[in-house]
């Protein structure tokens, strides 16, 4: 059953598996409801007009332009909406542009769920404070707007993680500790869906069992390879 009281979220991401992974994580861990996923700027503008969401997860590199253009648009500024800007670009010019234009947070791909959780926790704190507090002092304002992202990071969530499946995923890396594995290879070995596999791999990264090596292909589309971490890493 759809929770109509949950805050509306739009995800703008042209990689379907990442968009679905973010949707699943958001809806399982927060009082938020993803009302649409857009793969282009044009689709994003349509969803924003239709739903006027309270939050947008906005990828920068899209087939028909850059997501940072959307932050500056009158459409996004016509209603109350926060933006978590997500991009593979680490250049300061893009980061500075996004922040000056009012982005709530800026995340570099590949996005770790622990970091995304911290950003979403800060967003929920902002919403709660704006709803509940009528008069604030300096301390409250400092806590609300200057809270370092690291302070909000909590322990990895095991919600949706089934122990026997987790052990099967871990065994792949235990049996081949020096190999780098793609998601597709783990899917084939373990026999689970790609979406489920990504959830378990991200959990293993969060708990420090495996690490990630990024293999860059086309700009904005890095490929993740996973390998068991050693005690010295």
C-alpha atoms as a PDB file:
ATOM      1  CA  UNK A   1       0.000   0.000   0.000  1.00  0.00           C
ATOM      2  CA  UNK A   2       1.341   3.425  -0.940  1.00  0.00           C
ATOM      3  CA  UNK A   3       2.100   5.711   1.980  1.00  0.00           C
ATOM      4  CA  UNK A   4       0.462   8.958   0.885  1.00  0.00           C
ATOM      5  CA  UNK A   5       1.924  10.774   3.890  1.00  0.00           C
ATOM      6  CA  UNK A   6       5.511  10.112   2.837  1.00  0.00           C
ATOM      7  CA  UNK A   7       7.479  12.929   1.250  1.00  0.00           C
ATOM      8  CA  UNK A   8       7.707  12.702  -2.530  1.00  0.00           C
ATOM      9  CA  UNK A   9      11.033  12.063  -4.236  1.00  0.00           C
ATOM     10  CA  UNK A  10      12.068  12.128  -7.889  1.00  0.00           C
ATOM     11  CA  UNK A  11      15.226  10.310  -9.014  1.00  0.00           C
ATOM     12  CA  UNK A  12      17.013  11.631 -12.099  1.00  0.00           C
ATOM     13  CA  UNK A  13      19.474   8.947 -13.207  1.00  0.00           C
ATOM     14  CA  UNK A  14      20.066   7.474 -16.685  1.00  0.00           C
ATOM     15  CA  UNK A  15      21.461   4.161 -15.405  1.00  0.00           C
ATOM     16  CA  UNK A  16      18.331   2.089 -14.621  1.00  0.00           C
ATOM     17  CA  UNK A  17      20.014  -0.295 -12.172  1.00  0.00           C
ATOM     18  CA  UNK A  18      21.394   2.578 -10.104  1.00  0.00           C
ATOM     19  CA  UNK A  19      18.063   4.383 -10.131  1.00  0.00           C
ATOM     20  CA  UNK A  20      16.278   1.261  -8.931  1.00  0.00           C
ATOM     21  CA  UNK A  21      18.902   0.630  -6.277  1.00  0.00           C
ATOM     22  CA  UNK A  22      18.500   4.183  -4.956  1.00  0.00           C
ATOM     23  CA  UNK A  23      14.695   3.875  -5.024  1.00  0.00           C
ATOM     24  CA  UNK A  24      14.776   0.655  -3.036  1.00  0.00           C
ATOM     25  CA  UNK A  25      17.219   2.062  -0.471  1.00  0.00           C
ATOM     26  CA  UNK A  26      15.241   5.284  -0.005  1.00  0.00           C
ATOM     27  CA  UNK A  27      11.854   3.647   0.435  1.00  0.00           C
ATOM     28  CA  UNK A  28      13.116   0.900   2.758  1.00  0.00           C
ATOM     29  CA  UNK A  29      14.989   3.206   5.120  1.00  0.00           C
ATOM     30  CA  UNK A  30      13.146   6.546   5.147  1.00  0.00           C
ATOM     31  CA  UNK A  31       9.635   7.980   5.232  1.00  0.00           C
ATOM     32  CA  UNK A  32       9.977   8.903   1.579  1.00  0.00           C
ATOM     33  CA  UNK A  33       8.126   7.821  -1.577  1.00  0.00           C
ATOM     34  CA  UNK A  34       9.724   7.784  -5.028  1.00  0.00           C
ATOM     35  CA  UNK A  35       7.025   9.083  -7.383  1.00  0.00           C
ATOM     36  CA  UNK A  36       9.070   8.875 -10.555  1.00  0.00           C
ATOM     37  CA  UNK A  37      12.410   8.070 -12.170  1.00  0.00           C
ATOM     38  CA  UNK A  38      13.715  10.163 -15.066  1.00  0.00           C
ATOM     39  CA  UNK A  39      16.546   9.227 -17.415  1.00  0.00           C
ATOM     40  CA  UNK A  40      16.719  12.598 -19.194  1.00  0.00           C
ATOM     41  CA  UNK A  41      16.316  16.290 -18.419  1.00  0.00           C
ATOM     42  CA  UNK A  42      13.114  16.347 -20.453  1.00  0.00           C
ATOM     43  CA  UNK A  43      11.604  13.511 -18.427  1.00  0.00           C
ATOM     44  CA  UNK A  44      12.778  15.183 -15.220  1.00  0.00           C
ATOM     45  CA  UNK A  45      11.012  18.445 -16.072  1.00  0.00           C
ATOM     46  CA  UNK A  46       7.798  16.527 -16.748  1.00  0.00           C
ATOM     47  CA  UNK A  47       7.966  14.673 -13.417  1.00  0.00           C
ATOM     48  CA  UNK A  48       8.780  17.843 -11.497  1.00  0.00           C
ATOM     49  CA  UNK A  49       5.795  19.634 -13.022  1.00  0.00           C
ATOM     50  CA  UNK A  50       3.471  16.710 -12.309  1.00  0.00           C
ATOM     51  CA  UNK A  51       4.516  15.868  -8.756  1.00  0.00           C
ATOM     52  CA  UNK A  52       6.362  18.879  -7.281  1.00  0.00           C
ATOM     53  CA  UNK A  53       8.500  16.580  -5.087  1.00  0.00           C
ATOM     54  CA  UNK A  54      10.111  17.639  -1.829  1.00  0.00           C
ATOM     55  CA  UNK A  55      13.435  16.054  -2.808  1.00  0.00           C
ATOM     56  CA  UNK A  56      15.303  15.313  -6.057  1.00  0.00           C
ATOM     57  CA  UNK A  57      18.282  12.990  -6.421  1.00  0.00           C
ATOM     58  CA  UNK A  58      19.879  14.558  -9.472  1.00  0.00           C
ATOM     59  CA  UNK A  59      22.571  12.963 -11.624  1.00  0.00           C
ATOM     60  CA  UNK A  60      24.639  15.423 -13.644  1.00  0.00           C
ATOM     61  CA  UNK A  61      25.556  13.550 -16.826  1.00  0.00           C
ATOM     62  CA  UNK A  62      22.365  12.877 -18.783  1.00  0.00           C
ATOM     63  CA  UNK A  63      21.781  12.087 -22.478  1.00  0.00           C
ATOM     64  CA  UNK A  64      20.264  15.495 -23.256  1.00  0.00           C
ATOM     65  CA  UNK A  65      22.334  17.771 -21.029  1.00  0.00           C
ATOM     66  CA  UNK A  66      23.697  18.274 -17.534  1.00  0.00           C
ATOM     67  CA  UNK A  67      21.579  17.989 -14.414  1.00  0.00           C
ATOM     68  CA  UNK A  68      23.141  21.107 -12.921  1.00  0.00           C
ATOM     69  CA  UNK A  69      21.082  23.087 -15.470  1.00  0.00           C
ATOM     70  CA  UNK A  70      17.950  21.903 -13.706  1.00  0.00           C
ATOM     71  CA  UNK A  71      19.016  23.366 -10.367  1.00  0.00           C
ATOM     72  CA  UNK A  72      19.043  26.837 -11.947  1.00  0.00           C
ATOM     73  CA  UNK A  73      15.672  26.436 -13.657  1.00  0.00           C
ATOM     74  CA  UNK A  74      12.630  28.520 -12.620  1.00  0.00           C
ATOM     75  CA  UNK A  75      10.651  25.268 -12.526  1.00  0.00           C
ATOM     76  CA  UNK A  76      12.637  23.828  -9.634  1.00  0.00           C
ATOM     77  CA  UNK A  77      12.591  27.142  -7.798  1.00  0.00           C
ATOM     78  CA  UNK A  78       8.817  27.484  -8.139  1.00  0.00           C
ATOM     79  CA  UNK A  79       8.118  25.087  -5.242  1.00  0.00           C
ATOM     80  CA  UNK A  80       9.882  23.899  -2.093  1.00  0.00           C
ATOM     81  CA  UNK A  81      12.352  21.241  -3.174  1.00  0.00           C
ATOM     82  CA  UNK A  82      15.808  20.160  -2.032  1.00  0.00           C
ATOM     83  CA  UNK A  83      18.388  18.671  -4.385  1.00  0.00           C
ATOM     84  CA  UNK A  84      20.996  16.028  -3.644  1.00  0.00           C
ATOM     85  CA  UNK A  85      23.358  16.408  -6.579  1.00  0.00           C
ATOM     86  CA  UNK A  86      25.086  13.206  -7.719  1.00  0.00           C
ATOM     87  CA  UNK A  87      27.822  13.161 -10.336  1.00  0.00           C
ATOM     88  CA  UNK A  88      30.994  11.466 -11.466  1.00  0.00           C
ATOM     89  CA  UNK A  89      32.553  14.884 -12.007  1.00  0.00           C
ATOM     90  CA  UNK A  90      34.876  15.850  -9.185  1.00  0.00           C
ATOM     91  CA  UNK A  91      35.901  19.205 -10.604  1.00  0.00           C
ATOM     92  CA  UNK A  92      35.458  22.124  -8.267  1.00  0.00           C
ATOM     93  CA  UNK A  93      33.682  24.233 -10.878  1.00  0.00           C
ATOM     94  CA  UNK A  94      30.750  21.824 -11.108  1.00  0.00           C
ATOM     95  CA  UNK A  95      30.651  21.381  -7.338  1.00  0.00           C
ATOM     96  CA  UNK A  96      30.761  25.129  -6.748  1.00  0.00           C
ATOM     97  CA  UNK A  97      28.034  25.760  -9.323  1.00  0.00           C
ATOM     98  CA  UNK A  98      25.736  23.182  -7.718  1.00  0.00           C
ATOM     99  CA  UNK A  99      26.254  24.592  -4.230  1.00  0.00           C
ATOM    100  CA  UNK A 100      25.817  28.226  -5.297  1.00  0.00           C
ATOM    101  CA  UNK A 101      22.600  27.248  -7.022  1.00  0.00           C
ATOM    102  CA  UNK A 102      21.221  25.803  -3.800  1.00  0.00           C
ATOM    103  CA  UNK A 103      22.003  22.075  -3.867  1.00  0.00           C
ATOM    104  CA  UNK A 104      21.410  20.562  -0.429  1.00  0.00           C
ATOM    105  CA  UNK A 105      24.294  18.118  -0.795  1.00  0.00           C
ATOM    106  CA  UNK A 106      26.836  16.968  -3.376  1.00  0.00           C
ATOM    107  CA  UNK A 107      27.793  13.291  -3.785  1.00  0.00           C
ATOM    108  CA  UNK A 108      30.516  11.881  -6.021  1.00  0.00           C
ATOM    109  CA  UNK A 109      29.936   8.624  -7.891  1.00  0.00           C
ATOM    110  CA  UNK A 110      30.269   5.843  -7.017  1.00  0.00           C
ATOM    111  CA  UNK A 111      27.899   6.712  -4.174  1.00  0.00           C
ATOM    112  CA  UNK A 112      28.274   4.643  -1.020  1.00  0.00           C
ATOM    113  CA  UNK A 113      24.998   3.881   0.735  1.00  0.00           C
ATOM    114  CA  UNK A 114      26.485   4.974   4.045  1.00  0.00           C
ATOM    115  CA  UNK A 115      27.154   8.435   2.582  1.00  0.00           C
ATOM    116  CA  UNK A 116      23.739   8.584   0.916  1.00  0.00           C
ATOM    117  CA  UNK A 117      22.148   7.613   4.229  1.00  0.00           C
ATOM    118  CA  UNK A 118      23.963  10.503   5.932  1.00  0.00           C
ATOM    119  CA  UNK A 119      22.667  12.957   3.343  1.00  0.00           C
ATOM    120  CA  UNK A 120      19.099  11.688   3.625  1.00  0.00           C
ATOM    121  CA  UNK A 121      19.240  11.793   7.430  1.00  0.00           C
ATOM    122  CA  UNK A 122      20.301  15.436   7.250  1.00  0.00           C
ATOM    123  CA  UNK A 123      17.458  16.133   4.831  1.00  0.00           C
ATOM    124  CA  UNK A 124      14.903  14.504   7.139  1.00  0.00           C
ATOM    125  CA  UNK A 125      16.295  16.512  10.053  1.00  0.00           C
ATOM    126  CA  UNK A 126      15.851  19.685   8.006  1.00  0.00           C
ATOM    127  CA  UNK A 127      12.233  18.821   7.198  1.00  0.00           C
ATOM    128  CA  UNK A 128      11.442  17.925  10.808  1.00  0.00           C
ATOM    129  CA  UNK A 129      12.993  21.118  12.128  1.00  0.00           C
ATOM    130  CA  UNK A 130      11.201  23.334   9.643  1.00  0.00           C
ATOM    131  CA  UNK A 131       7.897  21.683  10.585  1.00  0.00           C
ATOM    132  CA  UNK A 132       8.294  21.676  14.354  1.00  0.00           C
ATOM    133  CA  UNK A 133      10.390  24.674  15.309  1.00  0.00           C
ATOM    134  CA  UNK A 134       8.925  28.172  15.011  1.00  0.00           C
ATOM    135  CA  UNK A 135      11.671  30.133  16.750  1.00  0.00           C
ATOM    136  CA  UNK A 136      15.288  29.000  16.650  1.00  0.00           C
ATOM    137  CA  UNK A 137      18.462  30.166  18.325  1.00  0.00           C
ATOM    138  CA  UNK A 138      21.948  30.287  16.837  1.00  0.00           C
ATOM    139  CA  UNK A 139      22.841  26.816  18.122  1.00  0.00           C
ATOM    140  CA  UNK A 140      19.803  25.271  16.434  1.00  0.00           C
ATOM    141  CA  UNK A 141      20.590  26.993  13.145  1.00  0.00           C
ATOM    142  CA  UNK A 142      24.211  25.892  13.250  1.00  0.00           C
ATOM    143  CA  UNK A 143      23.179  22.313  13.890  1.00  0.00           C
ATOM    144  CA  UNK A 144      20.616  22.381  11.096  1.00  0.00           C
ATOM    145  CA  UNK A 145      22.637  23.955   8.294  1.00  0.00           C
ATOM    146  CA  UNK A 146      26.250  23.230   9.209  1.00  0.00           C
ATOM    147  CA  UNK A 147      26.076  19.643  10.407  1.00  0.00           C
ATOM    148  CA  UNK A 148      29.036  17.839   8.819  1.00  0.00           C
ATOM    149  CA  UNK A 149      27.862  14.864   6.783  1.00  0.00           C
ATOM    150  CA  UNK A 150      30.091  12.495   8.732  1.00  0.00           C
ATOM    151  CA  UNK A 151      28.276  13.238  11.977  1.00  0.00           C
ATOM    152  CA  UNK A 152      25.054  11.827  10.612  1.00  0.00           C
ATOM    153  CA  UNK A 153      26.528   8.523   9.471  1.00  0.00           C
ATOM    154  CA  UNK A 154      25.109   5.560  11.346  1.00  0.00           C
ATOM    155  CA  UNK A 155      25.925   1.883  11.330  1.00  0.00           C
ATOM    156  CA  UNK A 156      25.095  -0.057   8.168  1.00  0.00           C
ATOM    157  CA  UNK A 157      21.501  -1.247   8.039  1.00  0.00           C
ATOM    158  CA  UNK A 158      20.917  -4.992   7.758  1.00  0.00           C
ATOM    159  CA  UNK A 159      17.299  -4.478   6.701  1.00  0.00           C
ATOM    160  CA  UNK A 160      16.568  -6.626   3.658  1.00  0.00           C
ATOM    161  CA  UNK A 161      19.719  -8.719   4.195  1.00  0.00           C
ATOM    162  CA  UNK A 162      19.016 -12.438   4.607  1.00  0.00           C
ATOM    163  CA  UNK A 163      21.836 -14.310   6.422  1.00  0.00           C
ATOM    164  CA  UNK A 164      22.038 -17.375   4.154  1.00  0.00           C
ATOM    165  CA  UNK A 165      22.123 -15.269   0.990  1.00  0.00           C
ATOM    166  CA  UNK A 166      24.742 -13.005   2.548  1.00  0.00           C
ATOM    167  CA  UNK A 167      26.938 -16.029   3.307  1.00  0.00           C
ATOM    168  CA  UNK A 168      26.631 -17.247  -0.300  1.00  0.00           C
ATOM    169  CA  UNK A 169      27.726 -13.844  -1.591  1.00  0.00           C
ATOM    170  CA  UNK A 170      30.610 -13.696   0.892  1.00  0.00           C
ATOM    171  CA  UNK A 171      31.731 -17.206  -0.070  1.00  0.00           C
ATOM    172  CA  UNK A 172      32.398 -16.049  -3.634  1.00  0.00           C
ATOM    173  CA  UNK A 173      35.064 -13.668  -2.333  1.00  0.00           C
ATOM    174  CA  UNK A 174      36.386 -16.065   0.305  1.00  0.00           C
ATOM    175  CA  UNK A 175      37.001 -18.726  -2.349  1.00  0.00           C
ATOM    176  CA  UNK A 176      38.717 -16.245  -4.694  1.00  0.00           C
ATOM    177  CA  UNK A 177      40.246 -13.536  -2.469  1.00  0.00           C
ATOM    178  CA  UNK A 178      42.496 -12.058  -5.181  1.00  0.00           C
ATOM    179  CA  UNK A 179      39.886 -11.782  -7.933  1.00  0.00           C
ATOM    180  CA  UNK A 180      37.941  -8.689  -8.927  1.00  0.00           C
ATOM    181  CA  UNK A 181      34.262  -9.491  -9.512  1.00  0.00           C
ATOM    182  CA  UNK A 182      31.653  -7.627 -11.508  1.00  0.00           C
ATOM    183  CA  UNK A 183      28.020  -7.643 -10.426  1.00  0.00           C
ATOM    184  CA  UNK A 184      27.171  -9.846 -13.394  1.00  0.00           C
ATOM    185  CA  UNK A 185      29.759 -12.446 -12.369  1.00  0.00           C
ATOM    186  CA  UNK A 186      28.449 -12.605  -8.799  1.00  0.00           C
ATOM    187  CA  UNK A 187      24.874 -12.877 -10.109  1.00  0.00           C
ATOM    188  CA  UNK A 188      25.876 -15.863 -12.251  1.00  0.00           C
ATOM    189  CA  UNK A 189      27.783 -17.559  -9.436  1.00  0.00           C
ATOM    190  CA  UNK A 190      25.223 -17.039  -6.659  1.00  0.00           C
ATOM    191  CA  UNK A 191      22.036 -17.249  -8.714  1.00  0.00           C
ATOM    192  CA  UNK A 192      20.224 -14.121  -7.501  1.00  0.00           C
ATOM    193  CA  UNK A 193      18.804 -11.108  -9.324  1.00  0.00           C
ATOM    194  CA  UNK A 194      21.028  -8.180 -10.225  1.00  0.00           C
ATOM    195  CA  UNK A 195      19.096  -5.785  -7.973  1.00  0.00           C
ATOM    196  CA  UNK A 196      19.383  -8.174  -5.016  1.00  0.00           C
ATOM    197  CA  UNK A 197      23.048  -8.769  -5.759  1.00  0.00           C
ATOM    198  CA  UNK A 198      23.845  -5.060  -5.766  1.00  0.00           C
ATOM    199  CA  UNK A 199      22.124  -4.646  -2.396  1.00  0.00           C
ATOM    200  CA  UNK A 200      24.227  -7.403  -0.838  1.00  0.00           C
ATOM    201  CA  UNK A 201      27.457  -6.149  -2.424  1.00  0.00           C
ATOM    202  CA  UNK A 202      26.856  -2.625  -1.130  1.00  0.00           C
ATOM    203  CA  UNK A 203      26.172  -4.027   2.325  1.00  0.00           C
ATOM    204  CA  UNK A 204      29.441  -5.987   2.179  1.00  0.00           C
ATOM    205  CA  UNK A 205      31.247  -2.782   1.229  1.00  0.00           C
ATOM    206  CA  UNK A 206      29.664  -0.917   4.139  1.00  0.00           C
ATOM    207  CA  UNK A 207      30.732  -3.534   6.685  1.00  0.00           C
ATOM    208  CA  UNK A 208      34.263  -3.550   5.260  1.00  0.00           C
ATOM    209  CA  UNK A 209      34.231  -7.123   3.927  1.00  0.00           C
ATOM    210  CA  UNK A 210      34.929  -6.152   0.303  1.00  0.00           C
ATOM    211  CA  UNK A 211      36.343  -3.103  -1.446  1.00  0.00           C
ATOM    212  CA  UNK A 212      35.640  -1.412  -4.770  1.00  0.00           C
ATOM    213  CA  UNK A 213      37.850  -0.618  -7.729  1.00  0.00           C
ATOM    214  CA  UNK A 214      36.353   1.804 -10.243  1.00  0.00           C
ATOM    215  CA  UNK A 215      36.890   1.065 -13.912  1.00  0.00           C
ATOM    216  CA  UNK A 216      36.098   4.108 -16.033  1.00  0.00           C
ATOM    217  CA  UNK A 217      34.609   3.778 -19.484  1.00  0.00           C
ATOM    218  CA  UNK A 218      32.364   6.433 -20.978  1.00  0.00           C
ATOM    219  CA  UNK A 219      32.316   9.665 -18.992  1.00  0.00           C
ATOM    220  CA  UNK A 220      29.811   9.584 -16.187  1.00  0.00           C
ATOM    221  CA  UNK A 221      29.427   5.784 -16.286  1.00  0.00           C
ATOM    222  CA  UNK A 222      32.030   4.164 -14.032  1.00  0.00           C
ATOM    223  CA  UNK A 223      31.984   0.388 -13.578  1.00  0.00           C
ATOM    224  CA  UNK A 224      32.393  -1.120 -10.127  1.00  0.00           C
ATOM    225  CA  UNK A 225      34.535  -4.181  -9.534  1.00  0.00           C
ATOM    226  CA  UNK A 226      34.573  -5.846  -6.118  1.00  0.00           C
ATOM    227  CA  UNK A 227      37.330  -7.723  -4.274  1.00  0.00           C
ATOM    228  CA  UNK A 228      37.706  -9.118  -0.767  1.00  0.00           C
ATOM    229  CA  UNK A 229      39.508  -6.690   1.515  1.00  0.00           C
ATOM    230  CA  UNK A 230      42.641  -7.782   3.324  1.00  0.00           C
ATOM    231  CA  UNK A 231      43.583  -6.913   6.897  1.00  0.00           C
ATOM    232  CA  UNK A 232      46.098  -4.344   5.600  1.00  0.00           C
ATOM    233  CA  UNK A 233      43.579  -2.413   3.479  1.00  0.00           C
END
